[in-house]
Amino acid sequence: MKKSKSVSLVLSSGGARGLAHVGVIEELEKRGYRIAEIAGCSAGALVGGMYAAGKMPEFKDWICHLDRLDVFSLMDFTFSSRGFIKGEKVYNALKKVIKDCQIEDFEIPFYCNAVDYISGKEVVFSEGSLYAAIRASGSIPTVFQPARLHRQELIDGGVLNPVPLSLLKQSEENMIVVVGLNAGDSELVIPPKKDATGKSFISMPAWVADYRIKMRQYFPEQVKEEKKTSLSSISLMTRSFDLLQDRFSALLIEKQKVDISIQIARNQAGTLEFHRAEELIEIGREKAIQALDKWENEYL
């Protein structure tokens, strides 16, 4: 029988929505669950790696203080056809807050994946540089340029294995908790306005908000009718990839017996909306509360 409070945690890919993983982890800890191992992909590799390294407080503090302009400034744009963001600037900034470390030194076993796009094989990281691993795992095709490592060019692990259940090594002894970030609109939740402590997310000064309200009396906002437009070739390709990944993620979860599945809707946030960190963390917490309450009422 699996230990009810010992968890094998799987964190899926999903861009900025991956910040919801932080809220899930915090809720698990609050309830006394022990995370025995973590398997992460892309955004899940970033958050899972930071937690396994014991650096979640520093990471959360850093990411929650980035506004829209900060996020934009960390995007080192390029005209390369291999990806419009180099992907080095943001990790260099994070390294100033949290130094690189070796995965094999973590107290919590951590695994993440990437894909060698030339051979088509999955590459699994369970040792070596944390930043090398998360940089490779999060190299979203057409967005971030591939990561170079040992003569290999690696792209996002989500291409082959977006919900890396197969990376777990202790799943027989632990309960399996999966956090997916690519669910359908049925999983959408109303974005919270405050965090768990009651702090408001609204950073706009009160006088600016009051001024805007007053000005609307004289200059009411015009509501424009949205026109349906056809997708560009790149948008169509991206949308097609998203649909394939969504279905593949669902199949991976269905294939292996999962104790708790926490699902975040794909349309909850865009891939690069990292400036919404606090809001997304609370969405993850809310979804975790719902899933854990349901499981505990049934099994504990």
C-alpha atoms as a PDB file:
ATOM      1  CA  MET A   1       0.000   0.000   0.000  1.00  0.00           C
ATOM      2  CA  LYS A   2       1.301   3.447  -0.946  1.00  0.00           C
ATOM      3  CA  LYS A   3       2.193   5.906   1.777  1.00  0.00           C
ATOM      4  CA  SER A   4      -0.607   8.475   1.766  1.00  0.00           C
ATOM      5  CA  LYS A   5       1.654  11.406   2.583  1.00  0.00           C
ATOM      6  CA  SER A   6       4.625  10.534   0.370  1.00  0.00           C
ATOM      7  CA  VAL A   7       4.382  11.974  -3.145  1.00  0.00           C
ATOM      8  CA  SER A   8       5.948  11.363  -6.534  1.00  0.00           C
ATOM      9  CA  LEU A   9       5.235  14.726  -8.180  1.00  0.00           C
ATOM     10  CA  VAL A  10       4.974  15.226 -11.942  1.00  0.00           C
ATOM     11  CA  LEU A  11       4.987  18.792 -13.278  1.00  0.00           C
ATOM     12  CA  SER A  12       4.032  19.261 -16.936  1.00  0.00           C
ATOM     13  CA  SER A  13       5.126  21.749 -19.567  1.00  0.00           C
ATOM     14  CA  GLY A  14       3.099  24.888 -20.212  1.00  0.00           C
ATOM     15  CA  GLY A  15       5.120  28.117 -20.304  1.00  0.00           C
ATOM     16  CA  ALA A  16       4.133  30.808 -17.793  1.00  0.00           C
ATOM     17  CA  ARG A  17       1.255  28.618 -16.589  1.00  0.00           C
ATOM     18  CA  GLY A  18       4.012  26.608 -14.924  1.00  0.00           C
ATOM     19  CA  LEU A  19       3.995  29.161 -12.121  1.00  0.00           C
ATOM     20  CA  ALA A  20       0.803  27.435 -10.974  1.00  0.00           C
ATOM     21  CA  HIS A  21       3.144  24.585  -9.943  1.00  0.00           C
ATOM     22  CA  VAL A  22       4.393  26.832  -7.131  1.00  0.00           C
ATOM     23  CA  GLY A  23       0.919  27.130  -5.640  1.00  0.00           C
ATOM     24  CA  VAL A  24       0.387  23.372  -5.884  1.00  0.00           C
ATOM     25  CA  ILE A  25       3.669  22.623  -4.111  1.00  0.00           C
ATOM     26  CA  GLU A  26       2.892  25.110  -1.344  1.00  0.00           C
ATOM     27  CA  GLU A  27      -0.528  23.527  -0.774  1.00  0.00           C
ATOM     28  CA  LEU A  28       0.968  20.039  -0.627  1.00  0.00           C
ATOM     29  CA  GLU A  29       3.487  21.210   1.954  1.00  0.00           C
ATOM     30  CA  LYS A  30       0.804  22.989   3.976  1.00  0.00           C
ATOM     31  CA  ARG A  31      -1.135  19.727   4.262  1.00  0.00           C
ATOM     32  CA  GLY A  32       1.879  17.753   5.394  1.00  0.00           C
ATOM     33  CA  TYR A  33       2.645  15.842   2.203  1.00  0.00           C
ATOM     34  CA  ARG A  34       6.286  14.893   1.666  1.00  0.00           C
ATOM     35  CA  ILE A  35       7.540  15.278  -1.887  1.00  0.00           C
ATOM     36  CA  ALA A  36       9.816  12.260  -2.356  1.00  0.00           C
ATOM     37  CA  GLU A  37      10.772  12.880  -6.010  1.00  0.00           C
ATOM     38  CA  ILE A  38       9.978  15.291  -8.834  1.00  0.00           C
ATOM     39  CA  ALA A  39       9.782  14.755 -12.591  1.00  0.00           C
ATOM     40  CA  GLY A  40       9.387  17.972 -14.561  1.00  0.00           C
ATOM     41  CA  CYS A  41       9.155  19.090 -18.158  1.00  0.00           C
ATOM     42  CA  SER A  42       9.863  22.604 -19.483  1.00  0.00           C
ATOM     43  CA  ALA A  43       8.167  25.007 -17.027  1.00  0.00           C
ATOM     44  CA  GLY A  44       7.744  22.033 -14.722  1.00  0.00           C
ATOM     45  CA  ALA A  45      11.501  21.479 -14.870  1.00  0.00           C
ATOM     46  CA  LEU A  46      12.122  25.095 -13.865  1.00  0.00           C
ATOM     47  CA  VAL A  47       9.784  25.100 -10.857  1.00  0.00           C
ATOM     48  CA  GLY A  48      10.536  21.514  -9.852  1.00  0.00           C
ATOM     49  CA  GLY A  49      14.271  22.113 -10.090  1.00  0.00           C
ATOM     50  CA  MET A  50      14.091  25.198  -7.918  1.00  0.00           C
ATOM     51  CA  TYR A  51      12.100  23.320  -5.282  1.00  0.00           C
ATOM     52  CA  ALA A  52      14.363  20.258  -5.324  1.00  0.00           C
ATOM     53  CA  ALA A  53      17.368  22.575  -4.945  1.00  0.00           C
ATOM     54  CA  GLY A  54      15.785  24.138  -1.858  1.00  0.00           C
ATOM     55  CA  LYS A  55      15.524  27.523  -3.568  1.00  0.00           C
ATOM     56  CA  MET A  56      11.767  27.963  -3.930  1.00  0.00           C
ATOM     57  CA  PRO A  57      11.494  31.031  -1.614  1.00  0.00           C
ATOM     58  CA  GLU A  58      14.220  32.890  -3.543  1.00  0.00           C
ATOM     59  CA  PHE A  59      12.741  31.901  -6.900  1.00  0.00           C
ATOM     60  CA  LYS A  60       9.222  32.905  -5.900  1.00  0.00           C
ATOM     61  CA  ASP A  61      10.374  36.264  -4.564  1.00  0.00           C
ATOM     62  CA  TRP A  62      12.271  36.960  -7.799  1.00  0.00           C
ATOM     63  CA  ILE A  63       9.543  35.916 -10.231  1.00  0.00           C
ATOM     64  CA  CYS A  64       6.761  37.689  -8.308  1.00  0.00           C
ATOM     65  CA  HIS A  65       8.589  41.013  -8.535  1.00  0.00           C
ATOM     66  CA  LEU A  66       8.796  40.989 -12.327  1.00  0.00           C
ATOM     67  CA  ASP A  67       6.315  43.269 -14.084  1.00  0.00           C
ATOM     68  CA  ARG A  68       5.444  43.234 -17.766  1.00  0.00           C
ATOM     69  CA  LEU A  69       8.357  45.533 -18.654  1.00  0.00           C
ATOM     70  CA  ASP A  70      10.830  43.428 -16.658  1.00  0.00           C
ATOM     71  CA  VAL A  71       9.728  40.274 -18.466  1.00  0.00           C
ATOM     72  CA  PHE A  72      10.064  42.000 -21.836  1.00  0.00           C
ATOM     73  CA  SER A  73      13.566  43.230 -20.952  1.00  0.00           C
ATOM     74  CA  LEU A  74      14.638  39.642 -20.179  1.00  0.00           C
ATOM     75  CA  MET A  75      13.649  38.440 -23.641  1.00  0.00           C
ATOM     76  CA  ASP A  76      16.774  38.550 -25.829  1.00  0.00           C
ATOM     77  CA  PHE A  77      15.012  38.713 -29.179  1.00  0.00           C
ATOM     78  CA  THR A  78      16.725  37.639 -32.385  1.00  0.00           C
ATOM     79  CA  PHE A  79      15.790  37.340 -36.048  1.00  0.00           C
ATOM     80  CA  SER A  80      16.939  33.720 -36.216  1.00  0.00           C
ATOM     81  CA  SER A  81      14.549  31.280 -37.867  1.00  0.00           C
ATOM     82  CA  ARG A  82      15.454  28.749 -35.152  1.00  0.00           C
ATOM     83  CA  GLY A  83      13.591  30.715 -32.487  1.00  0.00           C
ATOM     84  CA  PHE A  84      12.885  34.405 -31.885  1.00  0.00           C
ATOM     85  CA  ILE A  85      14.321  34.387 -28.320  1.00  0.00           C
ATOM     86  CA  LYS A  86      17.911  33.346 -27.565  1.00  0.00           C
ATOM     87  CA  GLY A  87      16.932  32.248 -24.071  1.00  0.00           C
ATOM     88  CA  GLU A  88      20.171  33.170 -22.299  1.00  0.00           C
ATOM     89  CA  LYS A  89      19.378  36.567 -20.771  1.00  0.00           C
ATOM     90  CA  VAL A  90      16.643  35.373 -18.406  1.00  0.00           C
ATOM     91  CA  TYR A  91      18.768  32.527 -17.018  1.00  0.00           C
ATOM     92  CA  ASN A  92      21.763  34.822 -16.550  1.00  0.00           C
ATOM     93  CA  ALA A  93      19.527  37.153 -14.531  1.00  0.00           C
ATOM     94  CA  LEU A  94      18.208  34.261 -12.438  1.00  0.00           C
ATOM     95  CA  LYS A  95      21.739  33.001 -11.793  1.00  0.00           C
ATOM     96  CA  LYS A  96      22.488  36.271 -10.010  1.00  0.00           C
ATOM     97  CA  VAL A  97      19.750  35.390  -7.514  1.00  0.00           C
ATOM     98  CA  ILE A  98      20.226  31.620  -7.380  1.00  0.00           C
ATOM     99  CA  LYS A  99      23.632  30.158  -8.235  1.00  0.00           C
ATOM    100  CA  ASP A 100      23.898  27.086 -10.418  1.00  0.00           C
ATOM    101  CA  CYS A 101      24.115  23.750  -8.630  1.00  0.00           C
ATOM    102  CA  GLN A 102      24.427  20.052  -9.382  1.00  0.00           C
ATOM    103  CA  ILE A 103      21.251  17.976  -9.593  1.00  0.00           C
ATOM    104  CA  GLU A 104      22.886  14.921  -8.007  1.00  0.00           C
ATOM    105  CA  ASP A 105      23.467  16.944  -4.827  1.00  0.00           C
ATOM    106  CA  PHE A 106      19.751  17.550  -4.216  1.00  0.00           C
ATOM    107  CA  GLU A 107      18.097  15.912  -1.219  1.00  0.00           C
ATOM    108  CA  ILE A 108      14.989  15.362  -3.347  1.00  0.00           C
ATOM    109  CA  PRO A 109      15.598  13.286  -6.514  1.00  0.00           C
ATOM    110  CA  PHE A 110      14.857  15.417  -9.573  1.00  0.00           C
ATOM    111  CA  TYR A 111      14.513  14.458 -13.218  1.00  0.00           C
ATOM    112  CA  CYS A 112      13.630  16.484 -16.299  1.00  0.00           C
ATOM    113  CA  ASN A 113      13.648  15.888 -20.026  1.00  0.00           C
ATOM    114  CA  ALA A 114      14.536  17.468 -23.353  1.00  0.00           C
ATOM    115  CA  VAL A 115      14.609  16.184 -26.929  1.00  0.00           C
ATOM    116  CA  ASP A 116      17.518  15.816 -29.310  1.00  0.00           C
ATOM    117  CA  TYR A 117      15.662  17.012 -32.392  1.00  0.00           C
ATOM    118  CA  ILE A 118      18.196  15.495 -34.794  1.00  0.00           C
ATOM    119  CA  SER A 119      17.996  11.936 -33.451  1.00  0.00           C
ATOM    120  CA  GLY A 120      14.437  12.359 -32.199  1.00  0.00           C
ATOM    121  CA  LYS A 121      15.366  10.793 -28.852  1.00  0.00           C
ATOM    122  CA  GLU A 122      14.399  11.921 -25.378  1.00  0.00           C
ATOM    123  CA  VAL A 123      17.276  13.118 -23.181  1.00  0.00           C
ATOM    124  CA  VAL A 124      16.783  12.734 -19.421  1.00  0.00           C
ATOM    125  CA  PHE A 125      18.648  14.855 -16.860  1.00  0.00           C
ATOM    126  CA  SER A 126      19.197  13.403 -13.382  1.00  0.00           C
ATOM    127  CA  GLU A 127      22.626  14.894 -12.746  1.00  0.00           C
ATOM    128  CA  GLY A 128      24.803  17.784 -13.842  1.00  0.00           C
ATOM    129  CA  SER A 129      24.100  21.521 -14.022  1.00  0.00           C
ATOM    130  CA  LEU A 130      20.557  22.517 -13.023  1.00  0.00           C
ATOM    131  CA  TYR A 131      20.526  25.480 -15.396  1.00  0.00           C
ATOM    132  CA  ALA A 132      21.777  23.403 -18.322  1.00  0.00           C
ATOM    133  CA  ALA A 133      18.924  20.978 -17.675  1.00  0.00           C
ATOM    134  CA  ILE A 134      16.122  23.519 -17.343  1.00  0.00           C
ATOM    135  CA  ARG A 135      17.428  25.590 -20.272  1.00  0.00           C
ATOM    136  CA  ALA A 136      17.274  22.500 -22.492  1.00  0.00           C
ATOM    137  CA  SER A 137      13.934  21.266 -21.165  1.00  0.00           C
ATOM    138  CA  GLY A 138      12.296  24.664 -21.744  1.00  0.00           C
ATOM    139  CA  SER A 139      13.512  25.330 -25.289  1.00  0.00           C
ATOM    140  CA  ILE A 140      10.054  25.728 -26.822  1.00  0.00           C
ATOM    141  CA  PRO A 141      10.325  25.149 -30.602  1.00  0.00           C
ATOM    142  CA  THR A 142      10.059  28.341 -32.732  1.00  0.00           C
ATOM    143  CA  VAL A 143      10.086  30.446 -29.517  1.00  0.00           C
ATOM    144  CA  PHE A 144      13.445  29.709 -27.854  1.00  0.00           C
ATOM    145  CA  GLN A 145      16.526  28.716 -29.767  1.00  0.00           C
ATOM    146  CA  PRO A 146      17.630  25.113 -29.156  1.00  0.00           C
ATOM    147  CA  ALA A 147      20.043  24.552 -26.260  1.00  0.00           C
ATOM    148  CA  ARG A 148      23.513  23.299 -27.135  1.00  0.00           C
ATOM    149  CA  LEU A 149      24.931  20.614 -24.865  1.00  0.00           C
ATOM    150  CA  HIS A 150      27.695  18.078 -25.579  1.00  0.00           C
ATOM    151  CA  ARG A 151      27.377  18.492 -29.363  1.00  0.00           C
ATOM    152  CA  GLN A 152      23.642  18.002 -29.113  1.00  0.00           C
ATOM    153  CA  GLU A 153      20.943  20.535 -29.918  1.00  0.00           C
ATOM    154  CA  LEU A 154      18.058  20.088 -27.534  1.00  0.00           C
ATOM    155  CA  ILE A 155      14.473  21.339 -27.587  1.00  0.00           C
ATOM    156  CA  ASP A 156      11.525  21.301 -25.178  1.00  0.00           C
ATOM    157  CA  GLY A 157      10.879  17.920 -23.571  1.00  0.00           C
ATOM    158  CA  GLY A 158       7.162  18.490 -24.115  1.00  0.00           C
ATOM    159  CA  VAL A 159       7.584  17.592 -27.776  1.00  0.00           C
ATOM    160  CA  LEU A 160       7.840  13.899 -26.843  1.00  0.00           C
ATOM    161  CA  ASN A 161       6.835  13.676 -23.192  1.00  0.00           C
ATOM    162  CA  PRO A 162       4.926  16.703 -21.801  1.00  0.00           C
ATOM    163  CA  VAL A 163       3.766  14.825 -18.673  1.00  0.00           C
ATOM    164  CA  PRO A 164       6.930  12.859 -17.763  1.00  0.00           C
ATOM    165  CA  LEU A 165       5.435  10.104 -15.639  1.00  0.00           C
ATOM    166  CA  SER A 166       7.924   7.709 -17.200  1.00  0.00           C
ATOM    167  CA  LEU A 167      10.812   9.488 -15.438  1.00  0.00           C
ATOM    168  CA  LEU A 168       9.602   8.557 -11.949  1.00  0.00           C
ATOM    169  CA  LYS A 169      11.594   5.928 -10.052  1.00  0.00           C
ATOM    170  CA  GLN A 170       9.656   5.642  -6.782  1.00  0.00           C
ATOM    171  CA  SER A 171       6.075   5.629  -8.035  1.00  0.00           C
ATOM    172  CA  GLU A 172       5.384   2.156  -6.629  1.00  0.00           C
ATOM    173  CA  GLU A 173       5.968   3.354  -3.061  1.00  0.00           C
ATOM    174  CA  ASN A 174       4.396   6.820  -3.308  1.00  0.00           C
ATOM    175  CA  MET A 175       1.124   8.345  -4.357  1.00  0.00           C
ATOM    176  CA  ILE A 176       1.388   9.969  -7.783  1.00  0.00           C
ATOM    177  CA  VAL A 177       0.341  13.608  -8.124  1.00  0.00           C
ATOM    178  CA  VAL A 178       0.298  15.102 -11.626  1.00  0.00           C
ATOM    179  CA  VAL A 179      -0.064  18.789 -12.430  1.00  0.00           C
ATOM    180  CA  GLY A 180      -1.097  19.376 -16.053  1.00  0.00           C
ATOM    181  CA  LEU A 181      -1.079  22.811 -17.670  1.00  0.00           C
ATOM    182  CA  ASN A 182      -2.770  22.115 -20.982  1.00  0.00           C
ATOM    183  CA  ALA A 183      -6.344  21.239 -20.079  1.00  0.00           C
ATOM    184  CA  GLY A 184      -9.489  22.410 -21.845  1.00  0.00           C
ATOM    185  CA  ASP A 185     -11.664  25.392 -21.010  1.00  0.00           C
ATOM    186  CA  SER A 186     -13.745  23.333 -18.584  1.00  0.00           C
ATOM    187  CA  GLU A 187     -10.837  23.768 -16.128  1.00  0.00           C
ATOM    188  CA  LEU A 188     -10.764  27.576 -16.373  1.00  0.00           C
ATOM    189  CA  VAL A 189     -11.133  29.465 -13.100  1.00  0.00           C
ATOM    190  CA  ILE A 190     -11.780  33.138 -12.434  1.00  0.00           C
ATOM    191  CA  PRO A 191      -8.381  34.762 -11.816  1.00  0.00           C
ATOM    192  CA  PRO A 192      -8.019  35.705  -8.135  1.00  0.00           C
ATOM    193  CA  LYS A 193      -7.444  39.326  -7.123  1.00  0.00           C
ATOM    194  CA  LYS A 194      -5.560  38.553  -3.906  1.00  0.00           C
ATOM    195  CA  ASP A 195      -2.957  36.055  -2.721  1.00  0.00           C
ATOM    196  CA  ALA A 196      -3.314  33.610   0.161  1.00  0.00           C
ATOM    197  CA  THR A 197      -2.449  36.351   2.687  1.00  0.00           C
ATOM    198  CA  GLY A 198      -5.076  38.752   1.331  1.00  0.00           C
ATOM    199  CA  LYS A 199      -2.586  40.957  -0.510  1.00  0.00           C
ATOM    200  CA  SER A 200      -3.996  42.503  -3.696  1.00  0.00           C
ATOM    201  CA  PHE A 201      -2.260  41.828  -7.014  1.00  0.00           C
ATOM    202  CA  ILE A 202      -3.166  45.272  -8.336  1.00  0.00           C
ATOM    203  CA  SER A 203       0.075  47.225  -8.487  1.00  0.00           C
ATOM    204  CA  MET A 204      -1.528  50.329 -10.031  1.00  0.00           C
ATOM    205  CA  PRO A 205      -1.413  53.293  -7.591  1.00  0.00           C
ATOM    206  CA  ALA A 206      -4.848  54.152  -6.150  1.00  0.00           C
ATOM    207  CA  TRP A 207      -4.813  57.684  -7.569  1.00  0.00           C
ATOM    208  CA  VAL A 208      -4.251  56.339 -11.088  1.00  0.00           C
ATOM    209  CA  ALA A 209      -7.195  53.944 -10.754  1.00  0.00           C
ATOM    210  CA  ASP A 210      -9.419  56.753  -9.410  1.00  0.00           C
ATOM    211  CA  TYR A 211      -8.350  59.052 -12.250  1.00  0.00           C
ATOM    212  CA  ARG A 212      -9.206  56.422 -14.862  1.00  0.00           C
ATOM    213  CA  ILE A 213     -12.648  55.897 -13.345  1.00  0.00           C
ATOM    214  CA  LYS A 214     -13.376  59.644 -13.377  1.00  0.00           C
ATOM    215  CA  MET A 215     -12.156  60.086 -16.957  1.00  0.00           C
ATOM    216  CA  ARG A 216     -14.500  57.347 -18.170  1.00  0.00           C
ATOM    217  CA  GLN A 217     -17.391  59.657 -17.306  1.00  0.00           C
ATOM    218  CA  TYR A 218     -16.220  62.027 -20.029  1.00  0.00           C
ATOM    219  CA  PHE A 219     -14.496  59.618 -22.384  1.00  0.00           C
ATOM    220  CA  PRO A 220     -16.367  56.313 -22.266  1.00  0.00           C
ATOM    221  CA  GLU A 221     -14.444  53.373 -23.680  1.00  0.00           C
ATOM    222  CA  GLN A 222     -15.564  52.210 -27.075  1.00  0.00           C
ATOM    223  CA  VAL A 223     -16.382  48.537 -27.253  1.00  0.00           C
ATOM    224  CA  LYS A 224     -15.190  47.250 -30.594  1.00  0.00           C
ATOM    225  CA  GLU A 225     -16.807  44.268 -32.203  1.00  0.00           C
ATOM    226  CA  GLU A 226     -14.291  41.489 -32.505  1.00  0.00           C
ATOM    227  CA  LYS A 227     -13.708  40.226 -35.998  1.00  0.00           C
ATOM    228  CA  LYS A 228     -12.793  36.651 -36.639  1.00  0.00           C
ATOM    229  CA  THR A 229      -9.529  36.460 -38.511  1.00  0.00           C
ATOM    230  CA  SER A 230      -7.899  33.506 -40.152  1.00  0.00           C
ATOM    231  CA  LEU A 231      -4.734  32.182 -38.550  1.00  0.00           C
ATOM    232  CA  SER A 232      -1.334  32.863 -40.068  1.00  0.00           C
ATOM    233  CA  SER A 233       0.726  29.870 -41.115  1.00  0.00           C
ATOM    234  CA  ILE A 234       2.849  30.091 -37.944  1.00  0.00           C
ATOM    235  CA  SER A 235      -0.211  30.496 -35.711  1.00  0.00           C
ATOM    236  CA  LEU A 236      -1.896  27.580 -37.427  1.00  0.00           C
ATOM    237  CA  MET A 237       1.186  25.416 -36.910  1.00  0.00           C
ATOM    238  CA  THR A 238       1.401  26.426 -33.240  1.00  0.00           C
ATOM    239  CA  ARG A 239      -2.293  25.797 -32.683  1.00  0.00           C
ATOM    240  CA  SER A 240      -2.024  22.376 -34.322  1.00  0.00           C
ATOM    241  CA  PHE A 241       0.940  21.483 -32.090  1.00  0.00           C
ATOM    242  CA  ASP A 242      -1.015  22.612 -29.021  1.00  0.00           C
ATOM    243  CA  LEU A 243      -3.958  20.390 -29.901  1.00  0.00           C
ATOM    244  CA  LEU A 244      -1.704  17.389 -30.426  1.00  0.00           C
ATOM    245  CA  GLN A 245       0.110  18.022 -27.144  1.00  0.00           C
ATOM    246  CA  ASP A 246      -3.149  18.457 -25.229  1.00  0.00           C
ATOM    247  CA  ARG A 247      -4.477  15.117 -26.416  1.00  0.00           C
ATOM    248  CA  PHE A 248      -1.121  13.413 -25.865  1.00  0.00           C
ATOM    249  CA  SER A 249      -0.978  14.749 -22.295  1.00  0.00           C
ATOM    250  CA  ALA A 250      -4.435  13.360 -21.559  1.00  0.00           C
ATOM    251  CA  LEU A 251      -3.450   9.959 -22.955  1.00  0.00           C
ATOM    252  CA  LEU A 252      -0.280   9.835 -20.824  1.00  0.00           C
ATOM    253  CA  ILE A 253      -2.304  10.460 -17.664  1.00  0.00           C
ATOM    254  CA  GLU A 254      -4.943   7.905 -18.662  1.00  0.00           C
ATOM    255  CA  LYS A 255      -2.301   5.257 -19.385  1.00  0.00           C
ATOM    256  CA  GLN A 256      -0.747   5.259 -15.900  1.00  0.00           C
ATOM    257  CA  LYS A 257      -2.703   5.107 -12.677  1.00  0.00           C
ATOM    258  CA  VAL A 258      -2.528   8.584 -11.170  1.00  0.00           C
ATOM    259  CA  ASP A 259      -3.772   9.223  -7.641  1.00  0.00           C
ATOM    260  CA  ILE A 260      -4.379  12.961  -7.964  1.00  0.00           C
ATOM    261  CA  SER A 261      -4.603  14.933 -11.193  1.00  0.00           C
ATOM    262  CA  ILE A 262      -4.567  18.735 -10.924  1.00  0.00           C
ATOM    263  CA  GLN A 263      -5.402  20.377 -14.228  1.00  0.00           C
ATOM    264  CA  ILE A 264      -4.865  24.004 -15.318  1.00  0.00           C
ATOM    265  CA  ALA A 265      -6.553  25.245 -18.509  1.00  0.00           C
ATOM    266  CA  ARG A 266      -4.311  26.142 -21.442  1.00  0.00           C
ATOM    267  CA  ASN A 267      -6.272  29.368 -21.959  1.00  0.00           C
ATOM    268  CA  GLN A 268      -5.679  30.437 -18.343  1.00  0.00           C
ATOM    269  CA  ALA A 269      -2.530  32.312 -19.428  1.00  0.00           C
ATOM    270  CA  GLY A 270      -0.270  32.812 -22.413  1.00  0.00           C
ATOM    271  CA  THR A 271       3.105  31.124 -22.775  1.00  0.00           C
ATOM    272  CA  LEU A 272       5.143  34.227 -21.910  1.00  0.00           C
ATOM    273  CA  GLU A 273       2.861  35.943 -19.379  1.00  0.00           C
ATOM    274  CA  PHE A 274       5.319  35.592 -16.517  1.00  0.00           C
ATOM    275  CA  HIS A 275       4.332  39.027 -15.182  1.00  0.00           C
ATOM    276  CA  ARG A 276       1.170  37.342 -13.860  1.00  0.00           C
ATOM    277  CA  ALA A 277       3.210  35.189 -11.463  1.00  0.00           C
ATOM    278  CA  GLU A 278       1.300  35.934  -8.246  1.00  0.00           C
ATOM    279  CA  GLU A 279      -2.054  35.363  -9.925  1.00  0.00           C
ATOM    280  CA  LEU A 280      -0.954  32.083 -11.502  1.00  0.00           C
ATOM    281  CA  ILE A 281       0.499  30.809  -8.235  1.00  0.00           C
ATOM    282  CA  GLU A 282      -2.881  31.372  -6.583  1.00  0.00           C
ATOM    283  CA  ILE A 283      -4.677  29.625  -9.445  1.00  0.00           C
ATOM    284  CA  GLY A 284      -2.439  26.614  -8.842  1.00  0.00           C
ATOM    285  CA  ARG A 285      -3.197  26.752  -5.123  1.00  0.00           C
ATOM    286  CA  GLU A 286      -6.961  26.947  -5.768  1.00  0.00           C
ATOM    287  CA  LYS A 287      -6.906  23.991  -8.160  1.00  0.00           C
ATOM    288  CA  ALA A 288      -4.770  21.996  -5.714  1.00  0.00           C
ATOM    289  CA  ILE A 289      -7.209  22.685  -2.872  1.00  0.00           C
ATOM    290  CA  GLN A 290     -10.098  21.416  -5.001  1.00  0.00           C
ATOM    291  CA  ALA A 291      -8.296  18.229  -6.054  1.00  0.00           C
ATOM    292  CA  LEU A 292      -6.795  17.446  -2.649  1.00  0.00           C
ATOM    293  CA  ASP A 293     -10.075  18.062  -0.803  1.00  0.00           C
ATOM    294  CA  LYS A 294     -11.816  15.636  -3.135  1.00  0.00           C
ATOM    295  CA  TRP A 295      -9.134  12.963  -2.740  1.00  0.00           C
ATOM    296  CA  GLU A 296      -8.834  13.307   1.027  1.00  0.00           C
ATOM    297  CA  ASN A 297     -12.608  13.146   1.541  1.00  0.00           C
ATOM    298  CA  GLU A 298     -12.666   9.893  -0.378  1.00  0.00           C
ATOM    299  CA  TYR A 299      -9.513   8.143   0.855  1.00  0.00           C
ATOM    300  CA  LEU A 300      -8.461   9.639   4.200  1.00  0.00           C
END
